[in-house]
């Protein structure tokens, strides 16, 4: 059975940083596209960032570009999302997902992925 487990969320003040991790079990992330999503209270889930399995190209939505960095450690089978200069608008539950497609268009980042974690909450206070 395949699992993704997020960790690293928490409460941080505006301007602070958090580093999220996504650990995989039962599947090898090496060749998979990995994405981070978030869902703010009362809002739809949105794709935040992706890293492709081949070529390792990265994609960010405009709201986080320049502040967030997605990466992966294939040896550890873990993906990361480094989040800097956090703002209250970044508050939400953050999910990682793997194996599928991700792209960026006029409407922002869109992704269709097969495996999902249960999320880790991030709260940014003003």
Foldseek 3Di string as FASTA:
>chain_A
DKAWAKDFADEEAQQAKIKMKIAIDPDQQQQKKKWKWWDAPPGDIDTAKIFGNPPRDMFGWPVQPPFWDWDDDRVRSMIMIIGGRDDQVPWGWMKMFIHWDWDQDPVGIDTDGDHIHPTDGHGYHD
